[in-house]
Amino acid sequence: MKTVNIYTDGACSGNQNDENTGGWGCVLEYGETTKELWGGEPDTTNNRMEMKALIAALSALKEDGLKLNIYSDSSYLINCMKQKWYVNWRRNGWKTSQKQPVENRELWEELLALLEKHDASFSLVKGHLDPENEKAMKEAYKKYVSHNGPVDEADFRKIVDMNIKCDELANMYRKSLAEAARNPE
């Protein structure tokens, strides 16, 4: 079975405001081949951008039946998948345990349909780490291992670097909008 590593991140400035800008970024890695994708939308939320990043990555896959290692700094996304919140949501007619409609239902449904085609594992990584801060990196490594299981420290550092790259990609859309506003045609 072919293995693809997927790293994702979402960003949204002014997340709680009526008007804001969000962006998402992802990197797909198969062997020595990598593919970077990014995009965004206005008037959104950080959680939506986190989900859109993974949807974009999964939509870019050219075949089904892959082993996917998915890395994200989104607790919302990773905890839902690892703890299988969606099972109860589906059983309860897409209602939460508080009988409220599940937020982002259409994205969850799209995401779950894409994931059903593959064998996916999910790992939560702390976002916005500074690789030069050894103390913070050691602490983040310990937390990563306790949450996700054993991993070589060098592999952990690569995961952090890829998370930083995805954050940069997530901000590309927001930067492109700002540039367009400064230089209208």
N, C-alpha and C. Protein backbone atom coordinates (compact mmCIF):
# COMPACT_ATOMS: atom_id res chain seq x y z
N MET A 1 0.84 -1.18 0.00
CA MET A 1 0.00 0.00 0.00
C MET A 1 0.89 1.24 0.00
N LYS A 2 0.62 2.17 -0.89
CA LYS A 2 1.39 3.41 -0.96
C LYS A 2 1.04 4.29 0.23
N THR A 3 2.06 4.99 0.74
CA THR A 3 1.88 5.88 1.88
C THR A 3 2.09 7.33 1.47
N VAL A 4 1.14 8.18 1.86
CA VAL A 4 1.23 9.62 1.61
C VAL A 4 1.14 10.33 2.95
N ASN A 5 2.09 11.23 3.19
CA ASN A 5 2.03 12.10 4.37
C ASN A 5 1.34 13.39 3.96
N ILE A 6 0.39 13.83 4.79
CA ILE A 6 -0.35 15.06 4.53
C ILE A 6 -0.21 15.96 5.74
N TYR A 7 0.28 17.17 5.50
CA TYR A 7 0.44 18.18 6.54
C TYR A 7 -0.52 19.31 6.21
N THR A 8 -1.27 19.81 7.20
CA THR A 8 -2.27 20.84 6.92
C THR A 8 -2.25 21.93 7.98
N ASP A 9 -2.74 23.10 7.58
CA ASP A 9 -2.96 24.19 8.53
C ASP A 9 -3.99 25.15 7.96
N GLY A 10 -4.69 25.79 8.86
CA GLY A 10 -5.64 26.84 8.50
C GLY A 10 -5.36 28.07 9.32
N ALA A 11 -5.78 29.21 8.81
CA ALA A 11 -5.57 30.48 9.51
C ALA A 11 -6.74 31.40 9.22
N CYS A 12 -7.07 32.23 10.18
CA CYS A 12 -8.14 33.21 9.97
C CYS A 12 -7.88 34.41 10.85
N SER A 13 -7.64 35.56 10.21
CA SER A 13 -7.47 36.78 10.99
C SER A 13 -8.84 37.38 11.24
N GLY A 14 -9.09 37.80 12.46
CA GLY A 14 -10.41 38.32 12.81
C GLY A 14 -11.45 37.22 12.85
N ASN A 15 -11.06 36.06 13.37
CA ASN A 15 -11.89 34.86 13.35
C ASN A 15 -13.33 35.10 13.82
N GLN A 16 -13.51 35.92 14.83
CA GLN A 16 -14.86 36.13 15.38
C GLN A 16 -15.58 37.34 14.79
N ASN A 17 -14.94 38.05 13.88
CA ASN A 17 -15.56 39.22 13.27
C ASN A 17 -16.46 38.82 12.11
N ASP A 18 -17.43 39.68 11.79
CA ASP A 18 -18.31 39.41 10.65
C ASP A 18 -17.54 39.42 9.34
N GLU A 19 -16.53 40.29 9.26
CA GLU A 19 -15.71 40.36 8.05
C GLU A 19 -14.29 39.97 8.42
N ASN A 20 -13.78 38.97 7.74
CA ASN A 20 -12.43 38.50 8.00
C ASN A 20 -11.91 37.79 6.76
N THR A 21 -10.69 37.33 6.85
CA THR A 21 -10.10 36.58 5.75
C THR A 21 -9.41 35.34 6.31
N GLY A 22 -9.71 34.22 5.71
CA GLY A 22 -9.09 32.97 6.13
C GLY A 22 -8.28 32.36 5.01
N GLY A 23 -7.31 31.56 5.40
CA GLY A 23 -6.50 30.85 4.42
C GLY A 23 -6.17 29.46 4.91
N TRP A 24 -5.83 28.59 3.97
CA TRP A 24 -5.44 27.23 4.30
C TRP A 24 -4.23 26.84 3.45
N GLY A 25 -3.46 25.91 3.99
CA GLY A 25 -2.31 25.40 3.25
C GLY A 25 -2.10 23.94 3.58
N CYS A 26 -1.56 23.21 2.60
CA CYS A 26 -1.27 21.79 2.83
C CYS A 26 -0.10 21.36 1.97
N VAL A 27 0.57 20.34 2.45
CA VAL A 27 1.67 19.72 1.72
C VAL A 27 1.40 18.22 1.70
N LEU A 28 1.45 17.66 0.50
CA LEU A 28 1.34 16.22 0.32
C LEU A 28 2.73 15.70 -0.01
N GLU A 29 3.08 14.57 0.58
CA GLU A 29 4.43 14.02 0.41
C GLU A 29 4.31 12.52 0.13
N TYR A 30 4.82 12.14 -1.03
CA TYR A 30 4.88 10.73 -1.40
C TYR A 30 6.30 10.45 -1.84
N GLY A 31 7.04 9.70 -1.03
CA GLY A 31 8.45 9.47 -1.33
C GLY A 31 9.19 10.80 -1.38
N GLU A 32 9.87 11.03 -2.48
CA GLU A 32 10.62 12.29 -2.64
C GLU A 32 9.79 13.38 -3.30
N THR A 33 8.53 13.08 -3.63
CA THR A 33 7.67 14.04 -4.33
C THR A 33 6.80 14.79 -3.33
N THR A 34 6.77 16.11 -3.46
CA THR A 34 5.89 16.92 -2.62
C THR A 34 5.02 17.81 -3.50
N LYS A 35 3.85 18.12 -3.00
CA LYS A 35 2.94 19.04 -3.67
C LYS A 35 2.40 20.00 -2.62
N GLU A 36 2.48 21.30 -2.91
CA GLU A 36 1.98 22.33 -2.01
C GLU A 36 0.73 22.95 -2.61
N LEU A 37 -0.29 23.13 -1.76
CA LEU A 37 -1.54 23.75 -2.18
C LEU A 37 -1.93 24.81 -1.15
N TRP A 38 -2.60 25.85 -1.61
CA TRP A 38 -3.09 26.86 -0.68
C TRP A 38 -4.29 27.58 -1.29
N GLY A 39 -5.08 28.17 -0.42
CA GLY A 39 -6.26 28.92 -0.86
C GLY A 39 -6.88 29.59 0.35
N GLY A 40 -8.10 30.05 0.18
CA GLY A 40 -8.77 30.70 1.29
C GLY A 40 -10.11 31.25 0.86
N GLU A 41 -10.72 31.97 1.78
CA GLU A 41 -12.01 32.58 1.51
C GLU A 41 -12.27 33.69 2.52
N PRO A 42 -13.12 34.64 2.13
CA PRO A 42 -13.48 35.70 3.08
C PRO A 42 -14.58 35.21 4.02
N ASP A 43 -14.70 35.92 5.14
CA ASP A 43 -15.81 35.72 6.08
C ASP A 43 -15.98 34.25 6.46
N THR A 44 -14.99 33.73 7.14
CA THR A 44 -14.94 32.31 7.46
C THR A 44 -14.50 32.13 8.91
N THR A 45 -14.10 30.95 9.26
CA THR A 45 -13.56 30.67 10.60
C THR A 45 -12.28 29.87 10.48
N ASN A 46 -11.51 29.86 11.54
CA ASN A 46 -10.28 29.07 11.56
C ASN A 46 -10.60 27.58 11.37
N ASN A 47 -11.63 27.09 12.06
CA ASN A 47 -11.97 25.67 11.94
C ASN A 47 -12.32 25.29 10.51
N ARG A 48 -13.05 26.15 9.81
CA ARG A 48 -13.38 25.86 8.41
C ARG A 48 -12.11 25.79 7.56
N MET A 49 -11.16 26.69 7.82
CA MET A 49 -9.93 26.69 7.05
C MET A 49 -9.09 25.45 7.34
N GLU A 50 -9.09 24.99 8.59
CA GLU A 50 -8.39 23.75 8.93
C GLU A 50 -8.98 22.58 8.14
N MET A 51 -10.30 22.53 8.07
CA MET A 51 -10.97 21.45 7.34
C MET A 51 -10.76 21.57 5.84
N LYS A 52 -10.81 22.79 5.31
CA LYS A 52 -10.62 23.01 3.87
C LYS A 52 -9.22 22.57 3.44
N ALA A 53 -8.24 22.75 4.31
CA ALA A 53 -6.87 22.32 3.98
C ALA A 53 -6.83 20.81 3.76
N LEU A 54 -7.46 20.07 4.65
CA LEU A 54 -7.45 18.61 4.50
C LEU A 54 -8.30 18.18 3.32
N ILE A 55 -9.42 18.82 3.11
CA ILE A 55 -10.26 18.49 1.95
C ILE A 55 -9.49 18.72 0.66
N ALA A 56 -8.77 19.84 0.57
CA ALA A 56 -7.98 20.12 -0.63
C ALA A 56 -6.91 19.05 -0.84
N ALA A 57 -6.24 18.65 0.23
CA ALA A 57 -5.20 17.62 0.12
C ALA A 57 -5.80 16.30 -0.35
N LEU A 58 -6.90 15.89 0.26
CA LEU A 58 -7.53 14.62 -0.12
C LEU A 58 -8.06 14.67 -1.54
N SER A 59 -8.57 15.81 -1.95
CA SER A 59 -9.11 15.97 -3.31
C SER A 59 -8.00 15.91 -4.36
N ALA A 60 -6.77 16.22 -3.95
CA ALA A 60 -5.64 16.20 -4.90
C ALA A 60 -5.08 14.80 -5.12
N LEU A 61 -5.46 13.85 -4.30
CA LEU A 61 -4.95 12.49 -4.45
C LEU A 61 -5.50 11.87 -5.74
N LYS A 62 -4.64 11.18 -6.45
CA LYS A 62 -5.00 10.64 -7.77
C LYS A 62 -5.48 9.20 -7.72
N GLU A 63 -5.42 8.56 -6.56
CA GLU A 63 -5.90 7.19 -6.46
C GLU A 63 -6.45 6.92 -5.07
N ASP A 64 -7.27 5.89 -4.97
CA ASP A 64 -7.87 5.47 -3.70
C ASP A 64 -7.02 4.37 -3.08
N GLY A 65 -7.35 4.01 -1.85
CA GLY A 65 -6.70 2.90 -1.18
C GLY A 65 -5.31 3.20 -0.67
N LEU A 66 -5.04 4.45 -0.35
CA LEU A 66 -3.72 4.85 0.14
C LEU A 66 -3.67 4.81 1.66
N LYS A 67 -2.47 4.61 2.20
CA LYS A 67 -2.22 4.79 3.63
C LYS A 67 -1.87 6.26 3.81
N LEU A 68 -2.65 6.97 4.60
CA LEU A 68 -2.43 8.41 4.82
C LEU A 68 -2.01 8.67 6.25
N ASN A 69 -0.93 9.41 6.40
CA ASN A 69 -0.50 9.92 7.70
C ASN A 69 -0.82 11.41 7.68
N ILE A 70 -1.79 11.82 8.47
CA ILE A 70 -2.28 13.20 8.45
C ILE A 70 -1.82 13.91 9.72
N TYR A 71 -1.19 15.07 9.51
CA TYR A 71 -0.64 15.88 10.61
C TYR A 71 -1.29 17.25 10.57
N SER A 72 -1.80 17.69 11.72
CA SER A 72 -2.45 19.00 11.79
C SER A 72 -2.28 19.56 13.20
N ASP A 73 -2.35 20.89 13.31
CA ASP A 73 -2.34 21.51 14.64
C ASP A 73 -3.76 21.83 15.10
N SER A 74 -4.76 21.33 14.39
CA SER A 74 -6.16 21.58 14.72
C SER A 74 -6.71 20.51 15.66
N SER A 75 -6.90 20.86 16.92
CA SER A 75 -7.51 19.93 17.87
C SER A 75 -8.91 19.55 17.41
N TYR A 76 -9.64 20.51 16.87
CA TYR A 76 -11.00 20.30 16.37
C TYR A 76 -11.01 19.15 15.35
N LEU A 77 -10.15 19.23 14.40
CA LEU A 77 -10.07 18.24 13.33
C LEU A 77 -9.55 16.90 13.82
N ILE A 78 -8.40 16.92 14.49
CA ILE A 78 -7.76 15.68 14.91
C ILE A 78 -8.58 14.96 15.97
N ASN A 79 -9.08 15.68 16.97
CA ASN A 79 -9.88 15.03 18.01
C ASN A 79 -11.16 14.42 17.46
N CYS A 80 -11.80 15.11 16.51
CA CYS A 80 -13.00 14.55 15.89
C CYS A 80 -12.68 13.22 15.23
N MET A 81 -11.57 13.16 14.51
CA MET A 81 -11.24 11.94 13.79
C MET A 81 -10.76 10.83 14.74
N LYS A 82 -9.91 11.16 15.69
CA LYS A 82 -9.37 10.14 16.59
C LYS A 82 -10.43 9.63 17.58
N GLN A 83 -11.29 10.54 18.03
CA GLN A 83 -12.31 10.15 19.02
C GLN A 83 -13.64 9.79 18.36
N LYS A 84 -13.66 9.89 17.03
CA LYS A 84 -14.83 9.49 16.23
C LYS A 84 -16.12 10.21 16.65
N TRP A 85 -16.03 11.52 16.88
CA TRP A 85 -17.22 12.30 17.21
C TRP A 85 -18.29 12.14 16.13
N TYR A 86 -17.83 12.03 14.87
CA TYR A 86 -18.75 11.99 13.74
C TYR A 86 -19.69 10.79 13.78
N VAL A 87 -19.30 9.71 14.46
CA VAL A 87 -20.17 8.54 14.55
C VAL A 87 -21.46 8.91 15.26
N ASN A 88 -21.35 9.59 16.40
CA ASN A 88 -22.55 10.02 17.12
C ASN A 88 -23.29 11.12 16.37
N TRP A 89 -22.56 12.02 15.73
CA TRP A 89 -23.22 13.07 14.96
C TRP A 89 -24.13 12.46 13.90
N ARG A 90 -23.60 11.49 13.17
CA ARG A 90 -24.40 10.83 12.14
C ARG A 90 -25.60 10.11 12.76
N ARG A 91 -25.35 9.37 13.82
CA ARG A 91 -26.42 8.61 14.48
C ARG A 91 -27.51 9.56 15.00
N ASN A 92 -27.12 10.74 15.44
CA ASN A 92 -28.07 11.70 16.03
C ASN A 92 -28.60 12.71 15.01
N GLY A 93 -28.52 12.38 13.72
CA GLY A 93 -29.03 13.29 12.70
C GLY A 93 -28.24 14.58 12.60
N TRP A 94 -26.92 14.48 12.76
CA TRP A 94 -25.99 15.61 12.70
C TRP A 94 -26.31 16.65 13.78
N LYS A 95 -26.57 16.13 14.98
CA LYS A 95 -26.76 16.97 16.17
C LYS A 95 -25.67 16.62 17.18
N THR A 96 -25.25 17.63 17.94
CA THR A 96 -24.25 17.42 18.99
C THR A 96 -24.92 16.75 20.19
N SER A 97 -24.13 16.42 21.19
CA SER A 97 -24.69 15.84 22.42
C SER A 97 -25.61 16.83 23.13
N GLN A 98 -25.47 18.13 22.81
CA GLN A 98 -26.35 19.15 23.37
C GLN A 98 -27.57 19.40 22.47
N LYS A 99 -27.77 18.52 21.49
CA LYS A 99 -28.91 18.57 20.55
C LYS A 99 -28.87 19.79 19.63
N GLN A 100 -27.68 20.36 19.44
CA GLN A 100 -27.49 21.48 18.53
C GLN A 100 -26.96 20.97 17.19
N PRO A 101 -27.27 21.68 16.09
CA PRO A 101 -26.73 21.26 14.79
C PRO A 101 -25.19 21.30 14.81
N VAL A 102 -24.57 20.30 14.20
CA VAL A 102 -23.11 20.25 14.11
C VAL A 102 -22.65 21.39 13.19
N GLU A 103 -21.71 22.18 13.68
CA GLU A 103 -21.14 23.25 12.86
C GLU A 103 -20.31 22.64 11.73
N ASN A 104 -20.37 23.26 10.58
CA ASN A 104 -19.59 22.85 9.41
C ASN A 104 -19.99 21.47 8.89
N ARG A 105 -21.25 21.12 9.06
CA ARG A 105 -21.72 19.79 8.66
C ARG A 105 -21.34 19.47 7.22
N GLU A 106 -21.53 20.42 6.30
CA GLU A 106 -21.26 20.12 4.89
C GLU A 106 -19.79 19.79 4.66
N LEU A 107 -18.91 20.44 5.42
CA LEU A 107 -17.48 20.13 5.30
C LEU A 107 -17.16 18.77 5.92
N TRP A 108 -17.77 18.47 7.06
CA TRP A 108 -17.56 17.16 7.69
C TRP A 108 -18.01 16.05 6.75
N GLU A 109 -19.16 16.23 6.11
CA GLU A 109 -19.66 15.19 5.21
C GLU A 109 -18.72 15.00 4.02
N GLU A 110 -18.25 16.11 3.46
CA GLU A 110 -17.31 16.02 2.34
C GLU A 110 -16.01 15.35 2.77
N LEU A 111 -15.51 15.76 3.91
CA LEU A 111 -14.26 15.21 4.44
C LEU A 111 -14.38 13.71 4.70
N LEU A 112 -15.45 13.31 5.34
CA LEU A 112 -15.64 11.89 5.66
C LEU A 112 -15.78 11.05 4.39
N ALA A 113 -16.45 11.57 3.39
CA ALA A 113 -16.59 10.84 2.13
C ALA A 113 -15.22 10.64 1.48
N LEU A 114 -14.37 11.65 1.52
CA LEU A 114 -13.02 11.53 0.96
C LEU A 114 -12.16 10.56 1.76
N LEU A 115 -12.28 10.60 3.07
CA LEU A 115 -11.47 9.73 3.93
C LEU A 115 -11.86 8.26 3.81
N GLU A 116 -13.11 7.98 3.50
CA GLU A 116 -13.56 6.58 3.40
C GLU A 116 -12.83 5.80 2.32
N LYS A 117 -12.18 6.50 1.41
CA LYS A 117 -11.47 5.87 0.30
C LYS A 117 -10.06 5.41 0.70
N HIS A 118 -9.64 5.74 1.93
CA HIS A 118 -8.25 5.52 2.33
C HIS A 118 -8.17 4.95 3.74
N ASP A 119 -6.97 4.57 4.12
CA ASP A 119 -6.66 4.15 5.49
C ASP A 119 -5.85 5.29 6.12
N ALA A 120 -6.51 6.07 6.97
CA ALA A 120 -5.87 7.29 7.49
C ALA A 120 -5.58 7.21 8.98
N SER A 121 -4.43 7.76 9.36
CA SER A 121 -4.10 7.96 10.76
C SER A 121 -3.93 9.47 10.97
N PHE A 122 -4.17 9.93 12.19
CA PHE A 122 -4.17 11.36 12.49
C PHE A 122 -3.26 11.66 13.66
N SER A 123 -2.45 12.72 13.51
CA SER A 123 -1.55 13.15 14.57
C SER A 123 -1.69 14.64 14.80
N LEU A 124 -1.81 15.00 16.07
CA LEU A 124 -1.91 16.40 16.47
C LEU A 124 -0.53 16.92 16.80
N VAL A 125 -0.16 18.03 16.16
CA VAL A 125 1.13 18.67 16.41
C VAL A 125 0.89 20.09 16.92
N LYS A 126 1.69 20.52 17.86
CA LYS A 126 1.55 21.89 18.37
C LYS A 126 1.96 22.87 17.27
N GLY A 127 1.11 23.84 17.02
CA GLY A 127 1.40 24.83 15.99
C GLY A 127 2.27 25.97 16.52
N HIS A 128 2.83 26.70 15.59
CA HIS A 128 3.58 27.93 15.87
C HIS A 128 4.77 27.71 16.80
N LEU A 129 5.42 26.58 16.63
CA LEU A 129 6.64 26.32 17.40
C LEU A 129 7.83 27.00 16.73
N ASP A 130 8.78 27.37 17.55
CA ASP A 130 10.03 27.94 17.06
C ASP A 130 11.09 26.84 17.17
N PRO A 131 11.54 26.27 16.04
CA PRO A 131 12.52 25.18 16.10
C PRO A 131 13.83 25.57 16.77
N GLU A 132 14.12 26.86 16.88
CA GLU A 132 15.35 27.33 17.53
C GLU A 132 15.23 27.33 19.05
N ASN A 133 14.00 27.25 19.58
CA ASN A 133 13.78 27.25 21.02
C ASN A 133 13.79 25.80 21.50
N GLU A 134 14.98 25.35 21.92
CA GLU A 134 15.17 23.94 22.30
C GLU A 134 14.27 23.51 23.45
N LYS A 135 14.09 24.38 24.43
CA LYS A 135 13.26 24.03 25.58
C LYS A 135 11.81 23.79 25.13
N ALA A 136 11.28 24.69 24.32
CA ALA A 136 9.90 24.54 23.82
C ALA A 136 9.78 23.31 22.93
N MET A 137 10.80 23.05 22.13
CA MET A 137 10.76 21.88 21.25
C MET A 137 10.77 20.58 22.05
N LYS A 138 11.58 20.51 23.09
CA LYS A 138 11.63 19.29 23.92
C LYS A 138 10.28 19.05 24.60
N GLU A 139 9.68 20.13 25.11
CA GLU A 139 8.37 20.00 25.75
C GLU A 139 7.30 19.59 24.74
N ALA A 140 7.33 20.20 23.56
CA ALA A 140 6.36 19.86 22.52
C ALA A 140 6.55 18.41 22.05
N TYR A 141 7.80 17.98 21.99
CA TYR A 141 8.08 16.59 21.60
C TYR A 141 7.45 15.62 22.60
N LYS A 142 7.62 15.88 23.89
CA LYS A 142 7.04 15.02 24.92
C LYS A 142 5.52 14.97 24.79
N LYS A 143 4.90 16.12 24.58
CA LYS A 143 3.44 16.17 24.44
C LYS A 143 3.00 15.44 23.17
N TYR A 144 3.76 15.61 22.09
CA TYR A 144 3.43 14.94 20.84
C TYR A 144 3.43 13.42 21.04
N VAL A 145 4.48 12.91 21.66
CA VAL A 145 4.60 11.47 21.89
C VAL A 145 3.47 10.98 22.80
N SER A 146 3.13 11.75 23.85
CA SER A 146 2.07 11.30 24.76
C SER A 146 0.71 11.29 24.06
N HIS A 147 0.50 12.17 23.11
CA HIS A 147 -0.79 12.26 22.41
C HIS A 147 -0.86 11.31 21.21
N ASN A 148 0.25 11.12 20.52
CA ASN A 148 0.24 10.40 19.24
C ASN A 148 1.00 9.08 19.23
N GLY A 149 1.80 8.84 20.26
CA GLY A 149 2.60 7.62 20.27
C GLY A 149 4.05 7.93 19.90
N PRO A 150 4.90 6.91 19.97
CA PRO A 150 6.34 7.12 19.77
C PRO A 150 6.68 7.58 18.35
N VAL A 151 7.64 8.47 18.29
CA VAL A 151 8.18 8.95 17.02
C VAL A 151 9.61 9.41 17.28
N ASP A 152 10.45 9.18 16.33
CA ASP A 152 11.84 9.63 16.42
C ASP A 152 11.87 11.16 16.50
N GLU A 153 12.78 11.70 17.30
CA GLU A 153 12.84 13.15 17.46
C GLU A 153 13.14 13.88 16.14
N ALA A 154 13.94 13.28 15.29
CA ALA A 154 14.23 13.88 13.98
C ALA A 154 12.96 13.94 13.13
N ASP A 155 12.15 12.89 13.19
CA ASP A 155 10.88 12.90 12.46
C ASP A 155 9.93 13.95 13.02
N PHE A 156 9.93 14.09 14.35
CA PHE A 156 9.11 15.13 14.97
C PHE A 156 9.53 16.51 14.47
N ARG A 157 10.82 16.76 14.39
CA ARG A 157 11.30 18.06 13.91
C ARG A 157 10.86 18.31 12.47
N LYS A 158 10.84 17.26 11.66
CA LYS A 158 10.36 17.42 10.29
C LYS A 158 8.88 17.76 10.29
N ILE A 159 8.10 17.11 11.13
CA ILE A 159 6.66 17.39 11.23
C ILE A 159 6.45 18.86 11.62
N VAL A 160 7.23 19.35 12.57
CA VAL A 160 7.14 20.75 12.98
C VAL A 160 7.48 21.66 11.80
N ASP A 161 8.57 21.35 11.10
CA ASP A 161 8.95 22.17 9.94
C ASP A 161 7.85 22.19 8.89
N MET A 162 7.20 21.05 8.66
CA MET A 162 6.12 21.00 7.68
C MET A 162 4.91 21.78 8.16
N ASN A 163 4.66 21.77 9.47
CA ASN A 163 3.56 22.57 10.01
C ASN A 163 3.82 24.05 9.79
N ILE A 164 5.06 24.46 9.99
CA ILE A 164 5.44 25.86 9.75
C ILE A 164 5.24 26.20 8.28
N LYS A 165 5.63 25.30 7.39
CA LYS A 165 5.44 25.51 5.95
C LYS A 165 3.95 25.66 5.62
N CYS A 166 3.11 24.82 6.20
CA CYS A 166 1.67 24.91 5.94
C CYS A 166 1.08 26.21 6.47
N ASP A 167 1.59 26.68 7.60
CA ASP A 167 1.15 27.98 8.12
C ASP A 167 1.51 29.09 7.13
N GLU A 168 2.71 29.03 6.59
CA GLU A 168 3.12 30.02 5.58
C GLU A 168 2.19 29.96 4.37
N LEU A 169 1.88 28.75 3.91
CA LEU A 169 0.98 28.60 2.78
C LEU A 169 -0.42 29.12 3.10
N ALA A 170 -0.90 28.86 4.32
CA ALA A 170 -2.22 29.32 4.73
C ALA A 170 -2.32 30.84 4.69
N ASN A 171 -1.20 31.50 4.91
CA ASN A 171 -1.21 32.95 4.89
C ASN A 171 -1.01 33.54 3.50
N MET A 172 -0.72 32.70 2.50
CA MET A 172 -0.52 33.19 1.13
C MET A 172 -1.79 33.84 0.59
N TYR A 173 -2.94 33.23 0.82
CA TYR A 173 -4.20 33.78 0.31
C TYR A 173 -4.45 35.16 0.92
N ARG A 174 -4.28 35.26 2.22
CA ARG A 174 -4.51 36.54 2.90
C ARG A 174 -3.54 37.59 2.37
N LYS A 175 -2.29 37.19 2.15
CA LYS A 175 -1.30 38.14 1.62
C LYS A 175 -1.65 38.56 0.19
N SER A 176 -2.15 37.60 -0.61
CA SER A 176 -2.50 37.94 -1.99
C SER A 176 -3.67 38.91 -2.03
N LEU A 177 -4.62 38.80 -1.12
CA LEU A 177 -5.74 39.75 -1.05
C LEU A 177 -5.24 41.13 -0.63
N ALA A 178 -4.35 41.17 0.34
CA ALA A 178 -3.80 42.46 0.79
C ALA A 178 -3.04 43.13 -0.33
N GLU A 179 -2.26 42.35 -1.07
CA GLU A 179 -1.50 42.89 -2.21
C GLU A 179 -2.45 43.43 -3.29
N ALA A 180 -3.50 42.70 -3.56
CA ALA A 180 -4.48 43.14 -4.57
C ALA A 180 -5.17 44.42 -4.14
N ALA A 181 -5.42 44.58 -2.85
CA ALA A 181 -6.05 45.81 -2.35
C ALA A 181 -5.11 46.99 -2.47
N ARG A 182 -3.79 46.75 -2.29
CA ARG A 182 -2.81 47.84 -2.41
C ARG A 182 -2.58 48.23 -3.87
N ASN A 183 -2.76 47.28 -4.77
CA ASN A 183 -2.48 47.52 -6.18
C ASN A 183 -3.68 47.17 -7.07
N PRO A 184 -4.79 47.91 -6.91
CA PRO A 184 -5.96 47.60 -7.74
C PRO A 184 -5.64 47.86 -9.22
N GLU A 185 -6.25 47.09 -10.07
CA GLU A 185 -5.97 47.21 -11.52
C GLU A 185 -6.73 48.33 -12.14
